[in-house]
Amino acid sequence: IYRCHDDRWIVAVILFGAATFYSYANGQ
């Protein structure tokens, strides 16, 4: 969505990326 339609979605990108990173060791 950030890349195709609305670059304000970069906030959600970072939040979900952090959630992936912290949810499981292999997510790093």
mmCIF file of all heavy atoms, coordinates in Angstrom:
data_MODEL
# 
_entry.id   MODEL 
# 
loop_
_atom_site.group_PDB 
_atom_site.id 
_atom_site.type_symbol 
_atom_site.label_atom_id 
_atom_site.label_alt_id 
_atom_site.label_comp_id 
_atom_site.label_asym_id 
_atom_site.label_entity_id 
_atom_site.label_seq_id 
_atom_site.pdbx_PDB_ins_code 
_atom_site.Cartn_x 
_atom_site.Cartn_y 
_atom_site.Cartn_z 
_atom_site.occupancy 
_atom_site.B_iso_or_equiv 
_atom_site.pdbx_formal_charge 
_atom_site.auth_seq_id 
_atom_site.auth_comp_id 
_atom_site.auth_asym_id 
_atom_site.auth_atom_id 
_atom_site.pdbx_PDB_model_num 
ATOM 1   N N   . ILE A 1 1  ? 0.839  -1.204  0.000  1.00 0.00 ? 1  ILE A N   1 
ATOM 2   C CA  . ILE A 1 1  ? 0.000  0.000   0.000  1.00 0.00 ? 1  ILE A CA  1 
ATOM 3   C C   . ILE A 1 1  ? 0.875  1.256   0.000  1.00 0.00 ? 1  ILE A C   1 
ATOM 4   O O   . ILE A 1 1  ? 0.608  2.226   -0.722 1.00 0.00 ? 1  ILE A O   1 
ATOM 5   C CB  . ILE A 1 1  ? -0.946 -0.002  1.216  1.00 0.00 ? 1  ILE A CB  1 
ATOM 6   C CG1 . ILE A 1 1  ? -1.866 -1.226  1.158  1.00 0.00 ? 1  ILE A CG1 1 
ATOM 7   C CG2 . ILE A 1 1  ? -1.785 1.276   1.243  1.00 0.00 ? 1  ILE A CG2 1 
ATOM 8   C CD1 . ILE A 1 1  ? -2.757 -1.377  2.373  1.00 0.00 ? 1  ILE A CD1 1 
ATOM 9   N N   . TYR A 1 2  ? 1.929  1.239   0.821  1.00 0.00 ? 2  TYR A N   1 
ATOM 10  C CA  . TYR A 1 2  ? 2.863  2.366   0.853  1.00 0.00 ? 2  TYR A CA  1 
ATOM 11  C C   . TYR A 1 2  ? 3.487  2.601   -0.517 1.00 0.00 ? 2  TYR A C   1 
ATOM 12  O O   . TYR A 1 2  ? 3.582  3.744   -0.989 1.00 0.00 ? 2  TYR A O   1 
ATOM 13  C CB  . TYR A 1 2  ? 3.944  2.076   1.899  1.00 0.00 ? 2  TYR A CB  1 
ATOM 14  C CG  . TYR A 1 2  ? 5.272  2.757   1.638  1.00 0.00 ? 2  TYR A CG  1 
ATOM 15  C CD1 . TYR A 1 2  ? 5.448  4.119   1.872  1.00 0.00 ? 2  TYR A CD1 1 
ATOM 16  C CD2 . TYR A 1 2  ? 6.368  2.022   1.154  1.00 0.00 ? 2  TYR A CD2 1 
ATOM 17  C CE1 . TYR A 1 2  ? 6.674  4.734   1.631  1.00 0.00 ? 2  TYR A CE1 1 
ATOM 18  C CE2 . TYR A 1 2  ? 7.583  2.628   0.909  1.00 0.00 ? 2  TYR A CE2 1 
ATOM 19  C CZ  . TYR A 1 2  ? 7.735  3.983   1.149  1.00 0.00 ? 2  TYR A CZ  1 
ATOM 20  O OH  . TYR A 1 2  ? 8.946  4.590   0.905  1.00 0.00 ? 2  TYR A OH  1 
ATOM 21  N N   . ARG A 1 3  ? 3.871  1.528   -1.166 1.00 0.00 ? 3  ARG A N   1 
ATOM 22  C CA  . ARG A 1 3  ? 4.599  1.648   -2.439 1.00 0.00 ? 3  ARG A CA  1 
ATOM 23  C C   . ARG A 1 3  ? 3.677  2.014   -3.597 1.00 0.00 ? 3  ARG A C   1 
ATOM 24  O O   . ARG A 1 3  ? 4.084  2.726   -4.522 1.00 0.00 ? 3  ARG A O   1 
ATOM 25  C CB  . ARG A 1 3  ? 5.309  0.311   -2.737 1.00 0.00 ? 3  ARG A CB  1 
ATOM 26  C CG  . ARG A 1 3  ? 6.178  0.318   -3.979 1.00 0.00 ? 3  ARG A CG  1 
ATOM 27  C CD  . ARG A 1 3  ? 7.344  1.267   -3.830 1.00 0.00 ? 3  ARG A CD  1 
ATOM 28  N NE  . ARG A 1 3  ? 8.201  1.241   -5.000 1.00 0.00 ? 3  ARG A NE  1 
ATOM 29  C CZ  . ARG A 1 3  ? 7.965  1.892   -6.121 1.00 0.00 ? 3  ARG A CZ  1 
ATOM 30  N NH1 . ARG A 1 3  ? 6.862  2.619   -6.235 1.00 0.00 ? 3  ARG A NH1 1 
ATOM 31  N NH2 . ARG A 1 3  ? 8.831  1.833   -7.131 1.00 0.00 ? 3  ARG A NH2 1 
ATOM 32  N N   . CYS A 1 4  ? 2.424  1.573   -3.528 1.00 0.00 ? 4  CYS A N   1 
ATOM 33  C CA  . CYS A 1 4  ? 1.529  1.742   -4.681 1.00 0.00 ? 4  CYS A CA  1 
ATOM 34  C C   . CYS A 1 4  ? 0.530  2.891   -4.538 1.00 0.00 ? 4  CYS A C   1 
ATOM 35  O O   . CYS A 1 4  ? 0.093  3.443   -5.556 1.00 0.00 ? 4  CYS A O   1 
ATOM 36  C CB  . CYS A 1 4  ? 0.732  0.459   -4.923 1.00 0.00 ? 4  CYS A CB  1 
ATOM 37  S SG  . CYS A 1 4  ? 1.744  -0.977  -5.330 1.00 0.00 ? 4  CYS A SG  1 
ATOM 38  N N   . HIS A 1 5  ? 0.142  3.231   -3.294 1.00 0.00 ? 5  HIS A N   1 
ATOM 39  C CA  . HIS A 1 5  ? -0.993 4.136   -3.163 1.00 0.00 ? 5  HIS A CA  1 
ATOM 40  C C   . HIS A 1 5  ? -0.786 5.299   -2.192 1.00 0.00 ? 5  HIS A C   1 
ATOM 41  O O   . HIS A 1 5  ? -1.203 6.416   -2.496 1.00 0.00 ? 5  HIS A O   1 
ATOM 42  C CB  . HIS A 1 5  ? -2.247 3.345   -2.732 1.00 0.00 ? 5  HIS A CB  1 
ATOM 43  C CG  . HIS A 1 5  ? -2.721 2.383   -3.761 1.00 0.00 ? 5  HIS A CG  1 
ATOM 44  N ND1 . HIS A 1 5  ? -3.442 2.763   -4.867 1.00 0.00 ? 5  HIS A ND1 1 
ATOM 45  C CD2 . HIS A 1 5  ? -2.539 1.039   -3.870 1.00 0.00 ? 5  HIS A CD2 1 
ATOM 46  C CE1 . HIS A 1 5  ? -3.700 1.697   -5.618 1.00 0.00 ? 5  HIS A CE1 1 
ATOM 47  N NE2 . HIS A 1 5  ? -3.160 0.648   -5.032 1.00 0.00 ? 5  HIS A NE2 1 
ATOM 48  N N   . ASP A 1 6  ? -0.197 5.061   -1.050 1.00 0.00 ? 6  ASP A N   1 
ATOM 49  C CA  . ASP A 1 6  ? -0.162 6.125   -0.047 1.00 0.00 ? 6  ASP A CA  1 
ATOM 50  C C   . ASP A 1 6  ? 1.086  5.949   0.804  1.00 0.00 ? 6  ASP A C   1 
ATOM 51  O O   . ASP A 1 6  ? 1.174  5.016   1.601  1.00 0.00 ? 6  ASP A O   1 
ATOM 52  C CB  . ASP A 1 6  ? -1.417 6.053   0.829  1.00 0.00 ? 6  ASP A CB  1 
ATOM 53  C CG  . ASP A 1 6  ? -1.563 7.257   1.751  1.00 0.00 ? 6  ASP A CG  1 
ATOM 54  O OD1 . ASP A 1 6  ? -0.566 7.981   1.933  1.00 0.00 ? 6  ASP A OD1 1 
ATOM 55  O OD2 . ASP A 1 6  ? -2.662 7.462   2.300  1.00 0.00 ? 6  ASP A OD2 1 
ATOM 56  N N   . ASP A 1 7  ? 2.046  6.866   0.639  1.00 0.00 ? 7  ASP A N   1 
ATOM 57  C CA  . ASP A 1 7  ? 3.309  6.679   1.351  1.00 0.00 ? 7  ASP A CA  1 
ATOM 58  C C   . ASP A 1 7  ? 3.195  6.985   2.844  1.00 0.00 ? 7  ASP A C   1 
ATOM 59  O O   . ASP A 1 7  ? 4.144  6.774   3.590  1.00 0.00 ? 7  ASP A O   1 
ATOM 60  C CB  . ASP A 1 7  ? 4.432  7.487   0.719  1.00 0.00 ? 7  ASP A CB  1 
ATOM 61  C CG  . ASP A 1 7  ? 4.159  8.976   0.686  1.00 0.00 ? 7  ASP A CG  1 
ATOM 62  O OD1 . ASP A 1 7  ? 3.161  9.408   1.291  1.00 0.00 ? 7  ASP A OD1 1 
ATOM 63  O OD2 . ASP A 1 7  ? 4.951  9.708   0.067  1.00 0.00 ? 7  ASP A OD2 1 
ATOM 64  N N   . ARG A 1 8  ? 2.024  7.427   3.307  1.00 0.00 ? 8  ARG A N   1 
ATOM 65  C CA  . ARG A 1 8  ? 1.832  7.572   4.743  1.00 0.00 ? 8  ARG A CA  1 
ATOM 66  C C   . ARG A 1 8  ? 1.774  6.212   5.434  1.00 0.00 ? 8  ARG A C   1 
ATOM 67  O O   . ARG A 1 8  ? 1.939  6.123   6.649  1.00 0.00 ? 8  ARG A O   1 
ATOM 68  C CB  . ARG A 1 8  ? 0.552  8.364   5.030  1.00 0.00 ? 8  ARG A CB  1 
ATOM 69  C CG  . ARG A 1 8  ? 0.654  9.850   4.682  1.00 0.00 ? 8  ARG A CG  1 
ATOM 70  C CD  . ARG A 1 8  ? -0.663 10.554  4.866  1.00 0.00 ? 8  ARG A CD  1 
ATOM 71  N NE  . ARG A 1 8  ? -1.684 10.048  3.952  1.00 0.00 ? 8  ARG A NE  1 
ATOM 72  C CZ  . ARG A 1 8  ? -2.923 10.519  3.866  1.00 0.00 ? 8  ARG A CZ  1 
ATOM 73  N NH1 . ARG A 1 8  ? -3.290 11.537  4.645  1.00 0.00 ? 8  ARG A NH1 1 
ATOM 74  N NH2 . ARG A 1 8  ? -3.795 10.009  3.011  1.00 0.00 ? 8  ARG A NH2 1 
ATOM 75  N N   . TRP A 1 9  ? 1.567  5.169   4.649  1.00 0.00 ? 9  TRP A N   1 
ATOM 76  C CA  . TRP A 1 9  ? 1.534  3.815   5.212  1.00 0.00 ? 9  TRP A CA  1 
ATOM 77  C C   . TRP A 1 9  ? 2.910  3.331   5.646  1.00 0.00 ? 9  TRP A C   1 
ATOM 78  O O   . TRP A 1 9  ? 3.057  2.230   6.168  1.00 0.00 ? 9  TRP A O   1 
ATOM 79  C CB  . TRP A 1 9  ? 0.932  2.839   4.193  1.00 0.00 ? 9  TRP A CB  1 
ATOM 80  C CG  . TRP A 1 9  ? -0.569 2.812   4.290  1.00 0.00 ? 9  TRP A CG  1 
ATOM 81  C CD1 . TRP A 1 9  ? -1.429 3.758   3.845  1.00 0.00 ? 9  TRP A CD1 1 
ATOM 82  C CD2 . TRP A 1 9  ? -1.362 1.789   4.897  1.00 0.00 ? 9  TRP A CD2 1 
ATOM 83  N NE1 . TRP A 1 9  ? -2.725 3.395   4.116  1.00 0.00 ? 9  TRP A NE1 1 
ATOM 84  C CE2 . TRP A 1 9  ? -2.717 2.183   4.758  1.00 0.00 ? 9  TRP A CE2 1 
ATOM 85  C CE3 . TRP A 1 9  ? -1.077 0.592   5.514  1.00 0.00 ? 9  TRP A CE3 1 
ATOM 86  C CZ2 . TRP A 1 9  ? -3.764 1.407   5.251  1.00 0.00 ? 9  TRP A CZ2 1 
ATOM 87  C CZ3 . TRP A 1 9  ? -2.126 -0.187  5.996  1.00 0.00 ? 9  TRP A CZ3 1 
ATOM 88  C CH2 . TRP A 1 9  ? -3.452 0.233   5.868  1.00 0.00 ? 9  TRP A CH2 1 
ATOM 89  N N   . ILE A 1 10 ? 3.942  4.157   5.453  1.00 0.00 ? 10 ILE A N   1 
ATOM 90  C CA  . ILE A 1 10 ? 5.274  3.787   5.924  1.00 0.00 ? 10 ILE A CA  1 
ATOM 91  C C   . ILE A 1 10 ? 5.272  3.593   7.439  1.00 0.00 ? 10 ILE A C   1 
ATOM 92  O O   . ILE A 1 10 ? 6.068  2.807   7.986  1.00 0.00 ? 10 ILE A O   1 
ATOM 93  C CB  . ILE A 1 10 ? 6.310  4.862   5.514  1.00 0.00 ? 10 ILE A CB  1 
ATOM 94  C CG1 . ILE A 1 10 ? 7.736  4.363   5.799  1.00 0.00 ? 10 ILE A CG1 1 
ATOM 95  C CG2 . ILE A 1 10 ? 6.050  6.172   6.233  1.00 0.00 ? 10 ILE A CG2 1 
ATOM 96  C CD1 . ILE A 1 10 ? 8.152  3.156   5.048  1.00 0.00 ? 10 ILE A CD1 1 
ATOM 97  N N   . VAL A 1 11 ? 4.365  4.275   8.143  1.00 0.00 ? 11 VAL A N   1 
ATOM 98  C CA  . VAL A 1 11 ? 4.251  4.093   9.593  1.00 0.00 ? 11 VAL A CA  1 
ATOM 99  C C   . VAL A 1 11 ? 3.844  2.659   9.904  1.00 0.00 ? 11 VAL A C   1 
ATOM 100 O O   . VAL A 1 11 ? 4.432  1.996   10.777 1.00 0.00 ? 11 VAL A O   1 
ATOM 101 C CB  . VAL A 1 11 ? 3.239  5.097   10.185 1.00 0.00 ? 11 VAL A CB  1 
ATOM 102 C CG1 . VAL A 1 11 ? 3.030  4.816   11.671 1.00 0.00 ? 11 VAL A CG1 1 
ATOM 103 C CG2 . VAL A 1 11 ? 3.718  6.524   9.968  1.00 0.00 ? 11 VAL A CG2 1 
ATOM 104 N N   . ALA A 1 12 ? 2.834  2.147   9.183  1.00 0.00 ? 12 ALA A N   1 
ATOM 105 C CA  . ALA A 1 12 ? 2.399  0.765   9.395  1.00 0.00 ? 12 ALA A CA  1 
ATOM 106 C C   . ALA A 1 12 ? 3.493  -0.213  8.986  1.00 0.00 ? 12 ALA A C   1 
ATOM 107 O O   . ALA A 1 12 ? 3.679  -1.261  9.622  1.00 0.00 ? 12 ALA A O   1 
ATOM 108 C CB  . ALA A 1 12 ? 1.121  0.492   8.601  1.00 0.00 ? 12 ALA A CB  1 
ATOM 109 N N   . VAL A 1 13 ? 4.218  0.122   7.923  1.00 0.00 ? 13 VAL A N   1 
ATOM 110 C CA  . VAL A 1 13 ? 5.326  -0.738  7.481  1.00 0.00 ? 13 VAL A CA  1 
ATOM 111 C C   . VAL A 1 13 ? 6.339  -0.912  8.608  1.00 0.00 ? 13 VAL A C   1 
ATOM 112 O O   . VAL A 1 13 ? 6.767  -2.035  8.925  1.00 0.00 ? 13 VAL A O   1 
ATOM 113 C CB  . VAL A 1 13 ? 6.010  -0.140  6.227  1.00 0.00 ? 13 VAL A CB  1 
ATOM 114 C CG1 . VAL A 1 13 ? 7.266  -0.930  5.885  1.00 0.00 ? 13 VAL A CG1 1 
ATOM 115 C CG2 . VAL A 1 13 ? 5.052  -0.139  5.048  1.00 0.00 ? 13 VAL A CG2 1 
ATOM 116 N N   . ILE A 1 14 ? 6.726  0.181   9.218  1.00 0.00 ? 14 ILE A N   1 
ATOM 117 C CA  . ILE A 1 14 ? 7.737  0.124   10.281 1.00 0.00 ? 14 ILE A CA  1 
ATOM 118 C C   . ILE A 1 14 ? 7.196  -0.620  11.500 1.00 0.00 ? 14 ILE A C   1 
ATOM 119 O O   . ILE A 1 14 ? 7.897  -1.435  12.115 1.00 0.00 ? 14 ILE A O   1 
ATOM 120 C CB  . ILE A 1 14 ? 8.192  1.542   10.654 1.00 0.00 ? 14 ILE A CB  1 
ATOM 121 C CG1 . ILE A 1 14 ? 8.921  2.179   9.466  1.00 0.00 ? 14 ILE A CG1 1 
ATOM 122 C CG2 . ILE A 1 14 ? 9.095  1.526   11.876 1.00 0.00 ? 14 ILE A CG2 1 
ATOM 123 C CD1 . ILE A 1 14 ? 9.266  3.635   9.667  1.00 0.00 ? 14 ILE A CD1 1 
ATOM 124 N N   . LEU A 1 15 ? 5.933  -0.369  11.856 1.00 0.00 ? 15 LEU A N   1 
ATOM 125 C CA  . LEU A 1 15 ? 5.351  -1.026  13.032 1.00 0.00 ? 15 LEU A CA  1 
ATOM 126 C C   . LEU A 1 15 ? 5.238  -2.532  12.828 1.00 0.00 ? 15 LEU A C   1 
ATOM 127 O O   . LEU A 1 15 ? 5.597  -3.323  13.716 1.00 0.00 ? 15 LEU A O   1 
ATOM 128 C CB  . LEU A 1 15 ? 3.981  -0.424  13.345 1.00 0.00 ? 15 LEU A CB  1 
ATOM 129 C CG  . LEU A 1 15 ? 3.980  1.016   13.872 1.00 0.00 ? 15 LEU A CG  1 
ATOM 130 C CD1 . LEU A 1 15 ? 2.553  1.524   14.035 1.00 0.00 ? 15 LEU A CD1 1 
ATOM 131 C CD2 . LEU A 1 15 ? 4.734  1.106   15.191 1.00 0.00 ? 15 LEU A CD2 1 
ATOM 132 N N   . PHE A 1 16 ? 4.747  -2.949  11.666 1.00 0.00 ? 16 PHE A N   1 
ATOM 133 C CA  . PHE A 1 16 ? 4.636  -4.389  11.402 1.00 0.00 ? 16 PHE A CA  1 
ATOM 134 C C   . PHE A 1 16 ? 6.016  -5.026  11.240 1.00 0.00 ? 16 PHE A C   1 
ATOM 135 O O   . PHE A 1 16 ? 6.213  -6.186  11.615 1.00 0.00 ? 16 PHE A O   1 
ATOM 136 C CB  . PHE A 1 16 ? 3.784  -4.643  10.159 1.00 0.00 ? 16 PHE A CB  1 
ATOM 137 C CG  . PHE A 1 16 ? 2.308  -4.618  10.427 1.00 0.00 ? 16 PHE A CG  1 
ATOM 138 C CD1 . PHE A 1 16 ? 1.488  -3.699  9.783  1.00 0.00 ? 16 PHE A CD1 1 
ATOM 139 C CD2 . PHE A 1 16 ? 1.734  -5.510  11.316 1.00 0.00 ? 16 PHE A CD2 1 
ATOM 140 C CE1 . PHE A 1 16 ? 0.124  -3.665  10.026 1.00 0.00 ? 16 PHE A CE1 1 
ATOM 141 C CE2 . PHE A 1 16 ? 0.360  -5.488  11.565 1.00 0.00 ? 16 PHE A CE2 1 
ATOM 142 C CZ  . PHE A 1 16 ? -0.441 -4.557  10.925 1.00 0.00 ? 16 PHE A CZ  1 
ATOM 143 N N   . GLY A 1 17 ? 6.957  -4.270  10.669 1.00 0.00 ? 17 GLY A N   1 
ATOM 144 C CA  . GLY A 1 17 ? 8.314  -4.806  10.571 1.00 0.00 ? 17 GLY A CA  1 
ATOM 145 C C   . GLY A 1 17 ? 8.920  -5.027  11.946 1.00 0.00 ? 17 GLY A C   1 
ATOM 146 O O   . GLY A 1 17 ? 9.570  -6.055  12.201 1.00 0.00 ? 17 GLY A O   1 
ATOM 147 N N   . ALA A 1 18 ? 8.702  -4.082  12.860 1.00 0.00 ? 18 ALA A N   1 
ATOM 148 C CA  . ALA A 1 18 ? 9.194  -4.241  14.231 1.00 0.00 ? 18 ALA A CA  1 
ATOM 149 C C   . ALA A 1 18 ? 8.501  -5.410  14.921 1.00 0.00 ? 18 ALA A C   1 
ATOM 150 O O   . ALA A 1 18 ? 9.130  -6.177  15.667 1.00 0.00 ? 18 ALA A O   1 
ATOM 151 C CB  . ALA A 1 18 ? 8.974  -2.953  15.017 1.00 0.00 ? 18 ALA A CB  1 
ATOM 152 N N   . ALA A 1 19 ? 7.204  -5.568  14.688 1.00 0.00 ? 19 ALA A N   1 
ATOM 153 C CA  . ALA A 1 19 ? 6.476  -6.692  15.284 1.00 0.00 ? 19 ALA A CA  1 
ATOM 154 C C   . ALA A 1 19 ? 7.026  -8.023  14.785 1.00 0.00 ? 19 ALA A C   1 
ATOM 155 O O   . ALA A 1 19 ? 7.164  -8.985  15.560 1.00 0.00 ? 19 ALA A O   1 
ATOM 156 C CB  . ALA A 1 19 ? 4.989  -6.577  14.959 1.00 0.00 ? 19 ALA A CB  1 
ATOM 157 N N   . THR A 1 20 ? 7.358  -8.092  13.502 1.00 0.00 ? 20 THR A N   1 
ATOM 158 C CA  . THR A 1 20 ? 7.973  -9.303  12.957 1.00 0.00 ? 20 THR A CA  1 
ATOM 159 C C   . THR A 1 20 ? 9.319  -9.563  13.612 1.00 0.00 ? 20 THR A C   1 
ATOM 160 O O   . THR A 1 20 ? 9.648  -10.693 13.996 1.00 0.00 ? 20 THR A O   1 
ATOM 161 C CB  . THR A 1 20 ? 8.163  -9.173  11.432 1.00 0.00 ? 20 THR A CB  1 
ATOM 162 O OG1 . THR A 1 20 ? 6.907  -8.851  10.819 1.00 0.00 ? 20 THR A OG1 1 
ATOM 163 C CG2 . THR A 1 20 ? 8.704  -10.457 10.831 1.00 0.00 ? 20 THR A CG2 1 
ATOM 164 N N   . PHE A 1 21 ? 10.092 -8.524  13.764 1.00 0.00 ? 21 PHE A N   1 
ATOM 165 C CA  . PHE A 1 21 ? 11.438 -8.610  14.351 1.00 0.00 ? 21 PHE A CA  1 
ATOM 166 C C   . PHE A 1 21 ? 11.385 -9.127  15.784 1.00 0.00 ? 21 PHE A C   1 
ATOM 167 O O   . PHE A 1 21 ? 12.190 -9.973  16.190 1.00 0.00 ? 21 PHE A O   1 
ATOM 168 C CB  . PHE A 1 21 ? 12.084 -7.226  14.300 1.00 0.00 ? 21 PHE A CB  1 
ATOM 169 C CG  . PHE A 1 21 ? 13.502 -7.178  14.767 1.00 0.00 ? 21 PHE A CG  1 
ATOM 170 C CD1 . PHE A 1 21 ? 14.542 -7.329  13.869 1.00 0.00 ? 21 PHE A CD1 1 
ATOM 171 C CD2 . PHE A 1 21 ? 13.807 -6.959  16.103 1.00 0.00 ? 21 PHE A CD2 1 
ATOM 172 C CE1 . PHE A 1 21 ? 15.871 -7.268  14.298 1.00 0.00 ? 21 PHE A CE1 1 
ATOM 173 C CE2 . PHE A 1 21 ? 15.123 -6.892  16.542 1.00 0.00 ? 21 PHE A CE2 1 
ATOM 174 C CZ  . PHE A 1 21 ? 16.156 -7.056  15.631 1.00 0.00 ? 21 PHE A CZ  1 
ATOM 175 N N   . TYR A 1 22 ? 10.428 -8.637  16.567 1.00 0.00 ? 22 TYR A N   1 
ATOM 176 C CA  . TYR A 1 22 ? 10.373 -8.966  17.995 1.00 0.00 ? 22 TYR A CA  1 
ATOM 177 C C   . TYR A 1 22 ? 9.488  -10.172 18.310 1.00 0.00 ? 22 TYR A C   1 
ATOM 178 O O   . TYR A 1 22 ? 9.491  -10.642 19.450 1.00 0.00 ? 22 TYR A O   1 
ATOM 179 C CB  . TYR A 1 22 ? 9.880  -7.758  18.794 1.00 0.00 ? 22 TYR A CB  1 
ATOM 180 C CG  . TYR A 1 22 ? 10.886 -6.644  18.875 1.00 0.00 ? 22 TYR A CG  1 
ATOM 181 C CD1 . TYR A 1 22 ? 10.699 -5.456  18.178 1.00 0.00 ? 22 TYR A CD1 1 
ATOM 182 C CD2 . TYR A 1 22 ? 12.041 -6.777  19.638 1.00 0.00 ? 22 TYR A CD2 1 
ATOM 183 C CE1 . TYR A 1 22 ? 11.623 -4.428  18.253 1.00 0.00 ? 22 TYR A CE1 1 
ATOM 184 C CE2 . TYR A 1 22 ? 12.981 -5.756  19.709 1.00 0.00 ? 22 TYR A CE2 1 
ATOM 185 C CZ  . TYR A 1 22 ? 12.763 -4.580  19.015 1.00 0.00 ? 22 TYR A CZ  1 
ATOM 186 O OH  . TYR A 1 22 ? 13.689 -3.570  19.079 1.00 0.00 ? 22 TYR A OH  1 
ATOM 187 N N   . SER A 1 23 ? 8.747  -10.663 17.345 1.00 0.00 ? 23 SER A N   1 
ATOM 188 C CA  . SER A 1 23 ? 7.831  -11.763 17.644 1.00 0.00 ? 23 SER A CA  1 
ATOM 189 C C   . SER A 1 23 ? 8.528  -13.105 17.740 1.00 0.00 ? 23 SER A C   1 
ATOM 190 O O   . SER A 1 23 ? 8.046  -14.016 18.427 1.00 0.00 ? 23 SER A O   1 
ATOM 191 C CB  . SER A 1 23 ? 6.725  -11.827 16.581 1.00 0.00 ? 23 SER A CB  1 
ATOM 192 O OG  . SER A 1 23 ? 7.281  -12.006 15.291 1.00 0.00 ? 23 SER A OG  1 
ATOM 193 N N   . TYR A 1 24 ? 9.679  -13.260 17.067 1.00 0.00 ? 24 TYR A N   1 
ATOM 194 C CA  . TYR A 1 24 ? 10.359 -14.562 17.032 1.00 0.00 ? 24 TYR A CA  1 
ATOM 195 C C   . TYR A 1 24 ? 11.819 -14.307 16.684 1.00 0.00 ? 24 TYR A C   1 
ATOM 196 O O   . TYR A 1 24 ? 12.114 -13.429 15.873 1.00 0.00 ? 24 TYR A O   1 
ATOM 197 C CB  . TYR A 1 24 ? 9.691  -15.451 15.982 1.00 0.00 ? 24 TYR A CB  1 
ATOM 198 C CG  . TYR A 1 24 ? 10.210 -16.862 15.860 1.00 0.00 ? 24 TYR A CG  1 
ATOM 199 C CD1 . TYR A 1 24 ? 10.536 -17.612 16.973 1.00 0.00 ? 24 TYR A CD1 1 
ATOM 200 C CD2 . TYR A 1 24 ? 10.336 -17.449 14.606 1.00 0.00 ? 24 TYR A CD2 1 
ATOM 201 C CE1 . TYR A 1 24 ? 10.989 -18.916 16.848 1.00 0.00 ? 24 TYR A CE1 1 
ATOM 202 C CE2 . TYR A 1 24 ? 10.784 -18.757 14.469 1.00 0.00 ? 24 TYR A CE2 1 
ATOM 203 C CZ  . TYR A 1 24 ? 11.112 -19.486 15.595 1.00 0.00 ? 24 TYR A CZ  1 
ATOM 204 O OH  . TYR A 1 24 ? 11.569 -20.773 15.474 1.00 0.00 ? 24 TYR A OH  1 
ATOM 205 N N   . ALA A 1 25 ? 12.713 -15.054 17.292 1.00 0.00 ? 25 ALA A N   1 
ATOM 206 C CA  . ALA A 1 25 ? 14.140 -14.823 17.064 1.00 0.00 ? 25 ALA A CA  1 
ATOM 207 C C   . ALA A 1 25 ? 14.491 -14.873 15.583 1.00 0.00 ? 25 ALA A C   1 
ATOM 208 O O   . ALA A 1 25 ? 15.285 -14.062 15.091 1.00 0.00 ? 25 ALA A O   1 
ATOM 209 C CB  . ALA A 1 25 ? 14.961 -15.842 17.850 1.00 0.00 ? 25 ALA A CB  1 
ATOM 210 N N   . ASN A 1 26 ? 13.895 -15.821 14.851 1.00 0.00 ? 26 ASN A N   1 
ATOM 211 C CA  . ASN A 1 26 ? 14.189 -15.932 13.427 1.00 0.00 ? 26 ASN A CA  1 
ATOM 212 C C   . ASN A 1 26 ? 13.576 -14.789 12.619 1.00 0.00 ? 26 ASN A C   1 
ATOM 213 O O   . ASN A 1 26 ? 13.951 -14.578 11.464 1.00 0.00 ? 26 ASN A O   1 
ATOM 214 C CB  . ASN A 1 26 ? 13.698 -17.279 12.894 1.00 0.00 ? 26 ASN A CB  1 
ATOM 215 C CG  . ASN A 1 26 ? 14.545 -18.418 13.416 1.00 0.00 ? 26 ASN A CG  1 
ATOM 216 O OD1 . ASN A 1 26 ? 15.760 -18.388 13.327 1.00 0.00 ? 26 ASN A OD1 1 
ATOM 217 N ND2 . ASN A 1 26 ? 13.910 -19.418 13.994 1.00 0.00 ? 26 ASN A ND2 1 
ATOM 218 N N   . GLY A 1 27 ? 12.637 -14.074 13.203 1.00 0.00 ? 27 GLY A N   1 
ATOM 219 C CA  . GLY A 1 27 ? 12.093 -12.904 12.531 1.00 0.00 ? 27 GLY A CA  1 
ATOM 220 C C   . GLY A 1 27 ? 13.127 -11.812 12.333 1.00 0.00 ? 27 GLY A C   1 
ATOM 221 O O   . GLY A 1 27 ? 12.989 -10.984 11.433 1.00 0.00 ? 27 GLY A O   1 
ATOM 222 N N   . GLN A 1 28 ? 14.174 -11.820 13.162 1.00 0.00 ? 28 GLN A N   1 
ATOM 223 C CA  . GLN A 1 28 ? 15.235 -10.835 12.991 1.00 0.00 ? 28 GLN A CA  1 
ATOM 224 C C   . GLN A 1 28 ? 15.932 -11.021 11.645 1.00 0.00 ? 28 GLN A C   1 
ATOM 225 O O   . GLN A 1 28 ? 16.196 -10.060 10.922 1.00 0.00 ? 28 GLN A O   1 
ATOM 226 C CB  . GLN A 1 28 ? 16.240 -10.957 14.136 1.00 0.00 ? 28 GLN A CB  1 
ATOM 227 C CG  . GLN A 1 28 ? 15.654 -10.663 15.498 1.00 0.00 ? 28 GLN A CG  1 
ATOM 228 C CD  . GLN A 1 28 ? 16.670 -10.817 16.612 1.00 0.00 ? 28 GLN A CD  1 
ATOM 229 O OE1 . GLN A 1 28 ? 17.865 -10.933 16.367 1.00 0.00 ? 28 GLN A OE1 1 
ATOM 230 N NE2 . GLN A 1 28 ? 16.200 -10.810 17.853 1.00 0.00 ? 28 GLN A NE2 1 
# 
